Amino acid sequence: PYRHPPETRLEMPPPTRYFWGDEPEPDEYYASQGVRNSQAYFTTPTGAKLFTQSFRPLPPGPAKAAVFMTHGYGSDTGWLFQKIAIAFASWGYSVHCADLLGHGRSDGLRCYLGDLNSVADAALSYFLSVRNSDEHRHLPAFIFGESMGGLVSLLVYLRSPEPAAWTGLILSAPLFVIPGDMKPSKLRLFAYGLLVRDGGHVAGPMPGQQDGGGRGQRTRRSWKVIAANPKRYTGRPRLGTMTEIARMCDPLQGKFG
């Protein structure tokens, strides 16, 4: 999400039913974009439920490839993120997304990511259920991740029992390196680590963060749409989430920083 300086922070827009407005209804909107949408809940091997969406091209026909998409921190698949999925589907791809644990309509405490490996495993179990289906097993398959979803997508790939099942990775501004002014100091991380033992779900301040904000390159117009998402997490990051993201990013920062 885009962070505005305090003096230019935008007012929250009036809520709408969908990211495109109050009408048309979803089926009509998707058809106007040349795609069809389906939604379902998927139960992971651990019993957690993920909200999932699929986007396929219209008219129905053989897909060019399958794309498995993961959204960023605090977001979900049901608002502006699906514009990317719609675009891929309109180009002839079979697209499949899941709200990460702790996000959107999936199970879990909102934006608590105390174990990113478990978050990735949950998404992977859904992706493989689609990847191994008769419809998709012979198609090229790509994993797409945006921002923190890029980090999760990399974990999905690395934790796959057969990485060769994936044709490639598509990463958009992946969270491999935490910006310097937002990265907690080692002292702060140590303090967080002590707190996480009993209170990792507690929200706390992050360096360089303003409430409900974050980093990204967004226009004022798109920010209004993002801010209108009723399922978007606007609270401070949870201590366990900050510690886990920093733990995962540190080795990657050594490679890509």
Protein backbone atom coordinates (compact mmCIF):
# COMPACT_ATOMS: atom_id res chain seq x y z
CA PRO A 1 0.00 0.00 0.00
CA TYR A 2 1.06 3.59 -0.73
CA ARG A 3 2.10 5.87 2.16
CA HIS A 4 1.22 9.54 1.86
CA PRO A 5 3.01 12.19 3.89
CA PRO A 6 0.80 13.37 6.77
CA GLU A 7 0.01 16.67 5.06
CA THR A 8 -1.26 14.95 1.89
CA ARG A 9 -2.95 11.91 3.41
CA LEU A 10 -6.21 11.26 1.59
CA GLU A 11 -9.62 11.06 3.17
CA MET A 12 -11.16 7.60 3.19
CA PRO A 13 -13.50 7.31 0.18
CA PRO A 14 -17.13 6.28 0.57
CA PRO A 15 -17.34 2.47 0.64
CA THR A 16 -18.45 0.61 -2.47
CA ARG A 17 -19.58 -2.98 -2.87
CA TYR A 18 -16.78 -3.87 -5.30
CA PHE A 19 -13.49 -2.34 -6.35
CA TRP A 20 -15.12 -1.23 -9.63
CA GLY A 21 -18.05 0.43 -7.82
CA ASP A 22 -21.53 -0.60 -6.74
CA GLU A 23 -22.48 -2.02 -10.13
CA PRO A 24 -22.54 -4.02 -12.33
CA GLU A 25 -22.91 -7.30 -10.47
CA PRO A 26 -19.80 -9.52 -10.42
CA ASP A 27 -20.80 -11.99 -13.15
CA GLU A 28 -21.66 -9.14 -15.49
CA TYR A 29 -18.44 -7.27 -14.70
CA TYR A 30 -16.22 -10.30 -15.19
CA ALA A 31 -17.94 -11.16 -18.47
CA SER A 32 -17.34 -7.59 -19.66
CA GLN A 33 -13.62 -8.22 -19.02
CA GLY A 34 -13.70 -11.47 -21.00
CA VAL A 35 -13.29 -13.78 -18.00
CA ARG A 36 -15.34 -16.00 -15.70
CA ASN A 37 -14.79 -16.15 -11.96
CA SER A 38 -15.36 -18.94 -9.45
CA GLN A 39 -14.88 -18.88 -5.68
CA ALA A 40 -14.53 -21.65 -3.10
CA TYR A 41 -13.04 -22.51 0.26
CA PHE A 42 -10.14 -24.97 0.32
CA THR A 43 -9.24 -26.99 3.42
CA THR A 44 -5.49 -27.42 3.90
CA PRO A 45 -3.90 -30.60 5.32
CA THR A 46 -3.77 -28.87 8.74
CA GLY A 47 -7.50 -28.13 8.66
CA ALA A 48 -7.22 -24.39 7.96
CA LYS A 49 -9.58 -22.90 5.40
CA LEU A 50 -8.38 -20.69 2.56
CA PHE A 51 -10.65 -18.51 0.46
CA THR A 52 -9.76 -19.14 -3.18
CA GLN A 53 -10.65 -17.65 -6.54
CA SER A 54 -10.14 -18.81 -10.11
CA PHE A 55 -10.27 -16.69 -13.25
CA ARG A 56 -10.56 -18.31 -16.67
CA PRO A 57 -10.89 -16.82 -20.14
CA LEU A 58 -14.15 -16.47 -22.05
CA PRO A 59 -15.20 -18.15 -24.21
CA PRO A 60 -14.05 -21.37 -22.50
CA GLY A 61 -11.22 -23.17 -24.23
CA PRO A 62 -7.73 -24.57 -23.70
CA ALA A 63 -5.60 -22.27 -21.54
CA LYS A 64 -2.10 -21.18 -22.57
CA ALA A 65 -0.75 -21.88 -19.08
CA ALA A 66 -1.73 -21.76 -15.41
CA VAL A 67 -0.77 -18.87 -13.12
CA PHE A 68 -0.86 -19.20 -9.32
CA MET A 69 -0.96 -15.80 -7.62
CA THR A 70 -0.14 -14.53 -4.12
CA HIS A 71 -1.07 -11.06 -2.85
CA GLY A 72 0.90 -8.75 -0.57
CA TYR A 73 0.81 -7.89 3.13
CA GLY A 74 -2.56 -6.75 4.48
CA SER A 75 -4.26 -7.31 1.12
CA ASP A 76 -6.42 -10.11 -0.28
CA THR A 77 -7.53 -11.56 -3.61
CA GLY A 78 -10.98 -10.01 -3.54
CA TRP A 79 -10.27 -6.35 -4.27
CA LEU A 80 -7.76 -4.53 -6.49
CA PHE A 81 -5.30 -7.44 -6.65
CA GLN A 82 -7.74 -9.34 -8.82
CA LYS A 83 -7.23 -6.81 -11.62
CA ILE A 84 -3.91 -8.56 -12.30
CA ALA A 85 -5.64 -11.95 -12.28
CA ILE A 86 -8.32 -10.65 -14.65
CA ALA A 87 -5.65 -9.36 -17.03
CA PHE A 88 -3.85 -12.72 -17.14
CA ALA A 89 -7.15 -14.56 -17.68
CA SER A 90 -8.16 -12.18 -20.48
CA TRP A 91 -4.86 -13.07 -22.19
CA GLY A 92 -5.80 -16.75 -22.18
CA TYR A 93 -4.33 -18.01 -18.90
CA SER A 94 -6.01 -20.07 -16.17
CA VAL A 95 -5.45 -18.05 -12.98
CA HIS A 96 -5.78 -19.24 -9.37
CA CYS A 97 -5.41 -17.20 -6.18
CA ALA A 98 -5.83 -17.75 -2.45
CA ASP A 99 -6.11 -15.33 0.45
CA LEU A 100 -3.08 -16.04 2.64
CA LEU A 101 -3.65 -17.26 6.18
CA GLY A 102 -4.49 -14.26 8.34
CA HIS A 103 -5.73 -12.28 5.33
CA GLY A 104 -9.03 -11.59 3.62
CA ARG A 105 -11.55 -14.40 4.06
CA SER A 106 -9.06 -17.11 5.04
CA ASP A 107 -8.59 -18.47 8.56
CA GLY A 108 -6.18 -16.93 11.03
CA LEU A 109 -5.67 -13.85 13.17
CA ARG A 110 -5.59 -10.79 10.90
CA CYS A 111 -2.08 -10.22 9.57
CA TYR A 112 -0.41 -12.47 12.12
CA LEU A 113 2.33 -14.35 10.25
CA GLY A 114 4.31 -16.00 13.00
CA ASP A 115 5.50 -18.81 10.70
CA LEU A 116 5.88 -17.91 7.02
CA ASN A 117 6.77 -21.49 6.15
CA SER A 118 3.32 -22.57 7.36
CA VAL A 119 1.73 -19.72 5.40
CA ALA A 120 3.57 -20.86 2.27
CA ASP A 121 2.67 -24.51 2.88
CA ALA A 122 -1.02 -23.64 3.11
CA ALA A 123 -0.93 -21.79 -0.21
CA LEU A 124 1.18 -24.56 -1.77
CA SER A 125 -1.37 -27.23 -0.80
CA TYR A 126 -4.07 -25.34 -2.70
CA PHE A 127 -1.85 -24.61 -5.69
CA LEU A 128 -0.83 -28.27 -6.00
CA SER A 129 -4.45 -29.42 -5.81
CA VAL A 130 -5.08 -27.35 -8.93
CA ARG A 131 -1.71 -28.00 -10.57
CA ASN A 132 -2.15 -31.78 -10.35
CA SER A 133 -5.71 -31.79 -11.70
CA ASP A 134 -6.44 -33.30 -15.11
CA GLU A 135 -7.17 -29.82 -16.46
CA HIS A 136 -3.80 -28.36 -15.50
CA ARG A 137 -1.24 -31.16 -15.10
CA HIS A 138 0.03 -30.83 -18.68
CA LEU A 139 0.07 -27.02 -18.81
CA PRO A 140 3.04 -24.75 -18.14
CA ALA A 141 2.61 -23.32 -14.64
CA PHE A 142 3.91 -20.06 -13.19
CA ILE A 143 3.94 -18.76 -9.61
CA PHE A 144 3.24 -15.01 -9.32
CA GLY A 145 3.83 -12.96 -6.17
CA GLU A 146 3.51 -9.27 -5.37
CA SER A 147 5.44 -7.55 -2.55
CA MET A 148 5.30 -9.85 0.50
CA GLY A 149 3.55 -12.30 -1.80
CA GLY A 150 6.82 -12.45 -3.72
CA LEU A 151 8.57 -13.69 -0.59
CA VAL A 152 5.81 -16.25 0.02
CA SER A 153 5.93 -17.31 -3.65
CA LEU A 154 9.66 -17.99 -3.38
CA LEU A 155 9.00 -20.11 -0.29
CA VAL A 156 6.21 -21.94 -2.16
CA TYR A 157 8.68 -22.78 -4.91
CA LEU A 158 11.47 -23.83 -2.55
CA ARG A 159 9.14 -25.95 -0.41
CA SER A 160 7.49 -27.71 -3.35
CA PRO A 161 8.10 -31.48 -3.30
CA GLU A 162 8.81 -31.24 -7.03
CA PRO A 163 10.09 -27.76 -7.97
CA ALA A 164 10.24 -28.94 -11.59
CA ALA A 165 6.43 -28.83 -11.56
CA TRP A 166 6.73 -25.06 -11.94
CA THR A 167 7.76 -23.48 -15.22
CA GLY A 168 8.87 -20.23 -13.62
CA LEU A 169 8.43 -17.47 -11.04
CA ILE A 170 6.98 -14.01 -11.73
CA LEU A 171 7.79 -11.54 -8.94
CA SER A 172 6.52 -7.96 -8.70
CA ALA A 173 8.46 -5.78 -6.22
CA PRO A 174 9.16 -8.83 -4.02
CA LEU A 175 9.86 -8.27 -0.34
CA PHE A 176 13.34 -9.76 -0.23
CA VAL A 177 14.97 -6.70 1.35
CA ILE A 178 13.31 -4.56 4.03
CA PRO A 179 13.84 -0.82 3.32
CA GLY A 180 16.43 0.62 5.68
CA ASP A 181 14.12 3.10 7.40
CA MET A 182 11.52 0.38 8.01
CA LYS A 183 13.83 -2.41 9.20
CA PRO A 184 13.80 -2.91 12.98
CA SER A 185 17.23 -2.62 14.61
CA LYS A 186 18.89 -5.72 16.05
CA LEU A 187 18.13 -4.42 19.53
CA ARG A 188 14.48 -3.94 18.66
CA LEU A 189 14.31 -7.39 17.06
CA PHE A 190 15.83 -8.88 20.21
CA ALA A 191 13.17 -7.14 22.30
CA TYR A 192 10.48 -8.32 19.89
CA GLY A 193 11.85 -11.86 20.19
CA LEU A 194 11.35 -11.76 23.96
CA LEU A 195 7.81 -10.49 23.55
CA VAL A 196 6.92 -12.91 20.76
CA ARG A 197 7.29 -15.87 23.09
CA ASP A 198 4.07 -14.90 24.82
CA GLY A 199 2.61 -12.08 22.77
CA GLY A 200 3.60 -12.37 19.13
CA HIS A 201 0.05 -11.53 18.11
CA VAL A 202 0.30 -8.09 19.76
CA ALA A 203 0.59 -5.12 17.36
CA GLY A 204 3.47 -2.69 17.76
CA PRO A 205 5.18 0.24 16.04
CA MET A 206 7.48 -0.31 13.08
CA PRO A 207 10.28 2.10 12.16
CA GLY A 208 9.25 4.49 9.41
CA GLN A 209 5.64 3.33 9.56
CA GLN A 210 2.54 5.44 9.76
CA ASP A 211 -0.73 3.84 10.85
CA GLY A 212 -2.34 1.99 8.00
CA GLY A 213 0.53 2.82 5.70
CA GLY A 214 3.38 1.15 3.93
CA ARG A 215 5.62 1.49 0.95
CA GLY A 216 4.87 1.20 -2.74
CA GLN A 217 4.46 3.17 -5.93
CA ARG A 218 0.76 4.00 -6.20
CA THR A 219 -1.17 6.84 -7.73
CA ARG A 220 -3.59 8.92 -5.66
CA ARG A 221 -6.46 7.41 -7.64
CA SER A 222 -5.40 3.80 -7.03
CA TRP A 223 -4.77 4.59 -3.35
CA LYS A 224 -8.42 5.61 -3.00
CA VAL A 225 -9.48 2.25 -4.41
CA ILE A 226 -7.02 0.36 -2.18
CA ALA A 227 -8.16 2.26 0.92
CA ALA A 228 -11.81 1.37 0.19
CA ASN A 229 -11.11 -2.37 0.53
CA PRO A 230 -13.24 -3.46 3.52
CA LYS A 231 -10.95 -6.44 4.21
CA ARG A 232 -7.67 -4.53 4.03
CA TYR A 233 -5.67 -4.64 7.26
CA THR A 234 -4.93 -1.11 8.48
CA GLY A 235 -3.54 -1.80 11.95
CA ARG A 236 0.06 -1.79 13.07
CA PRO A 237 2.15 -4.88 12.25
CA ARG A 238 2.07 -7.63 14.85
CA LEU A 239 5.32 -8.30 16.67
CA GLY A 240 5.47 -11.92 15.52
CA THR A 241 4.93 -10.84 11.92
CA MET A 242 7.74 -8.26 12.02
CA THR A 243 10.15 -10.72 13.60
CA GLU A 244 9.32 -13.48 11.11
CA ILE A 245 9.60 -11.27 8.02
CA ALA A 246 12.95 -9.91 9.22
CA ARG A 247 14.15 -13.45 9.93
CA MET A 248 13.21 -14.57 6.41
CA CYS A 249 14.57 -11.48 4.67
CA ASP A 250 18.00 -11.39 6.34
CA PRO A 251 19.52 -14.31 4.38
CA LEU A 252 17.94 -13.02 1.17
CA GLN A 253 19.32 -9.54 1.80
CA GLY A 254 22.78 -11.06 1.89
CA LYS A 255 22.18 -12.45 -1.60
CA PHE A 256 20.20 -9.67 -3.24
CA GLY A 257 20.88 -6.59 -1.09
